[in-house]
Protein backbone atom coordinates (compact mmCIF):
# COMPACT_ATOMS: atom_id res chain seq x y z
CA MET A 1 64.21 -37.17 141.21
CA ARG A 2 65.04 -34.98 138.55
CA PRO A 3 63.02 -32.10 137.37
CA GLY A 4 60.53 -33.23 134.51
CA ASP A 5 60.66 -36.74 136.17
CA GLU A 6 56.90 -37.21 136.92
CA ARG A 7 55.99 -35.69 133.38
CA ARG A 8 57.76 -38.45 131.82
CA THR A 9 55.19 -41.09 133.08
CA SER A 10 52.09 -38.85 132.96
CA ASP A 11 52.87 -37.78 129.01
CA MET A 12 53.77 -41.45 128.08
CA ALA A 13 52.48 -42.44 125.12
CA VAL A 14 49.17 -44.43 125.55
CA PRO A 15 48.71 -47.33 123.29
CA GLU A 16 45.81 -47.66 121.20
CA ALA A 17 42.56 -49.47 122.67
CA VAL A 18 41.55 -53.06 121.96
CA PRO A 19 38.49 -54.81 121.97
CA GLY A 20 37.20 -56.72 124.84
CA PRO A 21 35.00 -59.40 125.82
CA ASN A 22 32.14 -56.97 126.76
CA GLY A 23 31.90 -54.99 123.56
CA THR A 24 34.05 -52.27 124.92
CA ALA A 25 37.70 -51.70 124.32
CA GLY A 26 40.49 -51.89 127.11
CA VAL A 27 43.85 -50.14 127.27
CA GLU A 28 46.95 -51.68 127.12
CA ILE A 29 48.86 -51.82 130.37
CA THR A 30 51.74 -49.12 130.52
CA ARG A 31 55.38 -50.99 130.91
CA MET A 32 58.45 -49.40 132.04
CA THR A 33 62.01 -50.57 132.10
CA PHE A 34 63.78 -50.54 135.70
CA ASP A 35 65.67 -47.80 134.75
CA GLU A 36 62.67 -45.78 133.81
CA PHE A 37 61.23 -46.59 137.04
CA LEU A 38 64.38 -45.35 139.02
CA ALA A 39 64.19 -42.36 137.01
CA VAL A 40 60.53 -41.32 138.22
CA GLY A 41 60.49 -43.09 141.49
CA PRO A 42 57.53 -44.12 143.60
CA ARG A 43 56.34 -40.35 143.98
CA GLY A 44 56.36 -40.00 140.22
CA LEU A 45 54.15 -42.69 139.81
CA TYR A 46 51.86 -41.63 142.35
CA LYS A 47 51.32 -38.36 140.60
CA ALA A 48 50.80 -39.85 137.29
CA ASP A 49 47.93 -42.20 138.95
CA ARG A 50 48.29 -44.88 136.28
CA PRO A 51 48.85 -48.35 136.58
CA VAL A 52 52.38 -49.49 135.42
CA VAL A 53 54.27 -52.77 135.29
CA ILE A 54 58.04 -52.46 135.81
CA LYS A 55 60.21 -55.32 134.85
CA LEU A 56 62.94 -55.78 137.79
CA PRO A 57 66.32 -56.36 137.10
CA ALA A 58 67.91 -59.96 136.04
CA ASP A 59 69.95 -59.93 139.14
CA VAL A 60 66.96 -59.52 141.56
CA GLN A 61 66.36 -63.19 142.70
CA GLY A 62 63.48 -63.42 145.02
CA LEU A 63 62.46 -66.77 146.73
CA GLY A 64 60.52 -69.31 145.14
CA ARG A 65 58.08 -72.19 146.97
CA ASP A 66 60.87 -74.42 148.35
CA GLU A 67 62.91 -71.38 149.74
CA VAL A 68 59.91 -69.65 151.13
CA ALA A 69 58.81 -72.99 152.49
CA GLU A 70 62.08 -73.61 154.36
CA ARG A 71 62.90 -69.95 155.37
CA LEU A 72 59.01 -69.22 156.63
CA ALA A 73 58.06 -72.78 157.67
CA GLY A 74 57.29 -71.87 161.40
CA MET A 75 55.51 -68.42 160.38
CA THR A 76 52.03 -68.04 161.43
CA VAL A 77 49.73 -67.45 158.20
CA THR A 78 46.03 -66.70 158.12
CA LEU A 79 44.33 -69.25 155.63
CA PHE A 80 41.44 -67.56 153.62
CA THR A 81 39.19 -70.35 152.59
CA GLU A 82 35.94 -70.02 150.30
CA PRO A 83 33.93 -71.58 147.86
CA GLY A 84 35.31 -71.38 144.54
CA ASP A 85 32.65 -69.66 142.92
CA LYS A 86 33.21 -65.85 141.64
CA ASN A 87 29.51 -64.77 142.46
CA HIS A 88 29.52 -66.45 146.00
CA PRO A 89 28.18 -63.37 148.34
CA GLY A 90 29.58 -63.80 151.71
CA ARG A 91 33.10 -63.23 153.15
CA TRP A 92 35.61 -65.89 153.24
CA GLU A 93 36.69 -67.73 156.48
CA THR A 94 39.86 -67.33 157.91
CA ARG A 95 41.87 -69.46 160.41
CA ASP A 96 45.61 -69.12 161.54
CA ILE A 97 47.96 -71.95 160.75
CA LYS A 98 52.00 -72.24 160.09
CA LEU A 99 53.16 -71.80 156.99
CA ARG A 100 54.39 -75.30 156.87
CA GLU A 101 50.84 -76.84 157.57
CA PHE A 102 49.75 -75.04 154.25
CA PHE A 103 52.40 -76.75 152.26
CA ALA A 104 51.81 -80.07 154.00
CA ASP A 105 47.98 -80.23 153.12
CA GLU A 106 47.55 -80.83 149.17
CA ARG A 107 43.85 -79.73 149.34
CA HIS A 108 45.29 -76.14 150.02
CA LEU A 109 47.35 -76.33 146.43
CA THR A 110 44.73 -78.86 144.41
CA ALA A 111 41.03 -78.13 145.41
CA THR A 112 38.85 -76.67 142.68
CA ASP A 113 35.45 -76.58 144.51
CA THR A 114 37.10 -74.38 147.20
CA TRP A 115 40.06 -71.27 147.00
CA HIS A 116 42.69 -71.36 149.23
CA ARG A 117 44.90 -68.92 149.76
CA VAL A 118 47.25 -67.66 152.88
CA VAL A 119 48.61 -64.19 153.46
CA SER A 120 50.93 -62.77 156.45
CA ASN A 121 51.72 -58.95 156.60
CA ILE A 122 55.56 -59.63 157.23
CA ARG A 123 56.50 -55.97 157.93
CA SER A 124 57.89 -56.61 161.41
CA SER A 125 60.49 -58.67 159.82
CA PRO A 126 62.50 -56.74 157.33
CA ALA A 127 65.13 -59.58 156.89
CA ASP A 128 62.50 -61.94 155.90
CA VAL A 129 60.99 -59.21 153.57
CA ASN A 130 64.18 -58.68 151.95
CA ALA A 131 65.08 -62.30 151.75
CA VAL A 132 61.98 -63.13 149.85
CA ILE A 133 62.05 -60.34 147.36
CA GLY A 134 65.68 -60.36 146.72
CA PHE A 135 66.46 -56.57 147.54
CA ASP A 136 66.04 -54.18 150.30
CA ALA A 137 62.50 -52.78 150.30
CA GLU A 138 63.26 -49.58 152.26
CA GLU A 139 66.26 -48.60 150.24
CA PHE A 140 64.06 -49.27 146.87
CA PHE A 141 60.90 -47.56 147.83
CA GLY A 142 62.12 -45.04 150.29
CA TYR A 143 58.77 -45.56 152.16
CA GLY A 144 59.82 -44.48 155.78
CA ASP A 145 56.82 -44.65 158.00
CA SER A 146 54.39 -44.87 155.06
CA LEU A 147 54.62 -48.49 154.90
CA TYR A 148 51.14 -50.21 156.11
CA ALA A 149 51.61 -53.76 155.01
CA ALA A 150 53.99 -56.13 153.24
CA ASN A 151 51.73 -58.93 152.59
CA LEU A 152 53.02 -62.31 151.37
CA TRP A 153 50.55 -64.14 149.51
CA ILE A 154 50.44 -67.63 148.38
CA SER A 155 47.59 -69.13 146.32
CA HIS A 156 46.54 -71.91 143.72
CA ARG A 157 45.43 -72.04 140.52
CA GLY A 158 41.69 -70.55 139.82
CA VAL A 159 41.93 -68.40 143.11
CA PHE A 160 39.92 -65.36 142.33
CA THR A 161 40.04 -62.22 144.05
CA LYS A 162 36.89 -60.27 143.58
CA ASN A 163 36.84 -56.55 141.69
CA HIS A 164 37.42 -54.22 144.77
CA PHE A 165 39.81 -51.20 145.51
CA ASP A 166 42.63 -50.42 148.10
CA GLU A 167 42.93 -47.49 149.99
CA PHE A 168 46.66 -47.38 149.58
CA GLU A 169 49.51 -47.39 146.84
CA ASN A 170 50.07 -50.80 145.94
CA PHE A 171 53.15 -52.29 144.60
CA ASN A 172 52.72 -56.12 143.83
CA ILE A 173 56.09 -58.23 142.96
CA ALA A 174 55.24 -61.44 141.29
CA LEU A 175 57.84 -64.21 142.63
CA GLU A 176 56.39 -67.24 141.33
CA GLY A 177 53.50 -68.00 139.23
CA ARG A 178 51.36 -65.77 136.98
CA LYS A 179 48.14 -63.86 137.57
CA ARG A 180 45.94 -62.07 135.52
CA PHE A 181 44.52 -58.76 136.31
CA ILE A 182 41.81 -56.32 135.15
CA ILE A 183 42.39 -52.52 136.51
CA ALA A 184 39.75 -50.03 135.94
CA PRO A 185 40.00 -46.28 137.08
CA PRO A 186 38.58 -44.88 140.38
CA GLY A 187 34.87 -44.12 140.63
CA VAL A 188 31.85 -44.97 142.60
CA ARG A 189 28.28 -44.89 141.28
CA ALA A 190 29.88 -46.60 138.16
CA TYR A 191 30.89 -49.60 139.68
CA TYR A 192 27.76 -50.12 141.91
CA PRO A 193 29.50 -50.57 145.17
CA ARG A 194 27.98 -53.12 147.73
CA SER A 195 26.71 -52.14 151.27
CA VAL A 196 28.99 -49.64 153.26
CA LEU A 197 27.28 -50.58 156.35
CA ARG A 198 28.17 -54.31 156.01
CA GLY A 199 31.68 -53.73 155.47
CA PHE A 200 31.58 -54.17 151.78
CA GLY A 201 31.77 -50.57 150.65
CA ASP A 202 35.27 -51.45 148.69
CA LYS A 203 33.75 -53.98 146.87
CA SER A 204 31.49 -53.81 143.62
CA ASN A 205 27.93 -55.81 142.74
CA VAL A 206 30.15 -56.35 139.49
CA VAL A 207 32.49 -59.19 141.04
CA ASP A 208 34.01 -59.97 137.74
CA LEU A 209 34.82 -57.27 135.11
CA ASP A 210 35.40 -59.84 132.78
CA ASP A 211 31.95 -61.19 132.80
CA ALA A 212 29.73 -57.92 133.15
CA ASP A 213 26.21 -57.60 132.45
CA LEU A 214 25.78 -54.21 130.82
CA SER A 215 22.06 -54.51 130.70
CA ARG A 216 21.83 -54.58 134.16
CA TYR A 217 24.88 -52.52 134.97
CA PRO A 218 24.58 -49.95 132.13
CA ARG A 219 27.19 -47.11 133.92
CA LEU A 220 29.99 -49.79 134.03
CA ALA A 221 30.59 -49.43 130.15
CA ALA A 222 32.48 -46.15 130.21
CA LYS A 223 34.93 -47.46 132.84
CA LEU A 224 35.34 -50.81 131.02
CA ALA A 225 36.50 -48.84 128.11
CA GLN A 226 39.32 -47.86 130.25
CA ARG A 227 40.35 -51.01 131.79
CA ARG A 228 43.64 -52.73 131.87
CA ASP A 229 43.78 -56.52 131.38
CA PHE A 230 47.22 -58.29 131.45
CA VAL A 231 49.11 -61.05 132.90
CA LEU A 232 51.37 -60.17 135.81
CA GLU A 233 54.86 -62.45 135.04
CA PRO A 234 57.38 -63.59 137.62
CA GLY A 235 59.97 -60.97 137.85
CA HIS A 236 57.59 -58.12 137.15
CA MET A 237 56.29 -55.53 139.51
CA LEU A 238 52.88 -53.90 139.12
CA TYR A 239 52.23 -50.22 140.55
CA LEU A 240 48.28 -50.01 141.42
CA PRO A 241 47.14 -46.73 142.25
CA LEU A 242 45.09 -45.90 145.32
CA GLY A 243 41.43 -46.01 144.73
CA TRP A 244 41.65 -47.92 141.32
CA TRP A 245 39.22 -50.82 140.82
CA HIS A 246 41.05 -54.70 140.48
CA GLN A 247 40.39 -58.13 140.38
CA ALA A 248 43.07 -61.07 140.12
CA GLU A 249 43.15 -64.77 139.17
CA SER A 250 45.99 -67.15 139.74
CA LEU A 251 46.83 -69.01 136.60
CA ASP A 252 49.56 -71.64 137.71
CA GLU A 253 49.89 -74.57 139.90
CA LEU A 254 51.08 -72.19 142.78
CA ASN A 255 51.74 -68.29 142.89
CA ILE A 256 53.31 -66.06 145.17
CA ASN A 257 53.21 -62.75 145.68
CA VAL A 258 54.39 -59.95 147.78
CA ASN A 259 52.55 -56.67 147.88
CA PHE A 260 53.49 -53.63 149.64
CA TRP A 261 50.51 -50.98 150.77
CA LEU A 262 51.84 -47.20 151.30
CA LYS A 263 49.84 -44.85 152.77
CA SER A 264 49.48 -41.35 150.60
CA LYS A 265 48.02 -38.14 150.81
CA LYS A 266 46.19 -39.02 147.88
CA ILE A 267 43.54 -40.38 149.74
CA LEU A 268 42.47 -36.68 150.79
CA HIS A 269 41.49 -36.16 147.06
CA ARG A 270 39.26 -39.11 146.98
CA PRO A 271 36.67 -38.88 149.72
CA HIS A 272 34.58 -41.88 149.06
CA VAL A 273 37.90 -44.00 149.34
CA LEU A 274 38.77 -42.36 152.44
CA GLY A 275 34.98 -42.54 154.10
CA VAL A 276 34.73 -46.35 153.24
CA ALA A 277 38.44 -47.13 154.48
CA LEU A 278 37.57 -45.40 157.95
CA TYR A 279 34.29 -46.96 158.19
CA THR A 280 35.87 -50.54 157.17
CA TYR A 281 38.62 -50.32 159.50
CA ALA A 282 36.19 -49.71 162.49
CA TYR A 283 33.86 -52.38 161.40
CA ARG A 284 36.63 -54.92 161.33
CA ARG A 285 37.80 -54.20 164.48
CA LEU A 286 34.45 -54.43 165.71
CA LYS A 287 33.54 -57.80 163.87
CA GLY A 288 36.82 -59.40 164.38
CA VAL A 289 37.12 -59.39 160.57
CA TYR A 290 41.10 -60.05 159.65
CA SER A 291 42.58 -56.66 159.23
CA TYR A 292 46.34 -57.20 157.95
CA LYS A 293 48.09 -56.83 161.22
CA PRO A 294 51.86 -57.17 161.37
CA THR A 295 52.81 -60.98 161.96
CA GLU A 296 55.59 -61.12 164.61
CA GLY A 297 58.96 -62.34 164.24
CA ASN A 298 58.37 -66.18 164.53
CA SER A 299 59.59 -67.49 160.91
CA ARG A 300 61.87 -70.14 162.26
């Protein structure tokens, strides 16, 4: 990285705020060309600590539905199932299936009253990772031993991921279909977090930042003024900083994304995120909640 590259991202002009549905203002998402990203690098983005959407080069061709279904047909994936209700308070149900089974059951792709999505941490199969995204991930990110997960996500229209934060630096690549994201800066009390003891400390009582009752959650108003509300298009990659709150909604018939979770020392400067992460990790192991363990190489 060249001297001063970190400043290029942190000093980038922030567009004017625009009115939002809650009577507050949101900030336009920062966008970068691929060359600008290469000049700054992942570490430069970590330091700037702001979400960025990067347009990947035209010659980077990731796989679509048919190619993913063919290449990974025999891979074990975890099916998440939950009621199609943003305010449902419980956890999703999970069970392991083969990817071919997911595509074979039309309900997984068309149900409106139930949300279905599959995920598989394919970190242990770098050949599959690189084939799916269309480039060498290790060379691109230079992550070494900081890679925690390379998750393949497939979902149908309407599937909603409730407002939460992650304890990792996150790069999300859209391969097929569009997703709407709302992202808001780190914080604790302003988001009215759910019970840490029940393993929900990374989640907010305000499950949908697009429909927040500010009379009930008044501390949230200042954070909403700093939110980013945008659609991630195929061929684009989102950098989502560690500890930032976010939600996502699948907009098309089928959405395929791969996201990389990378460990970072930044978590030491966010003690709430670190504390919740440690407790949640132990809670998930104790209760047998899905924990994104790497899938063994069984894609054929």
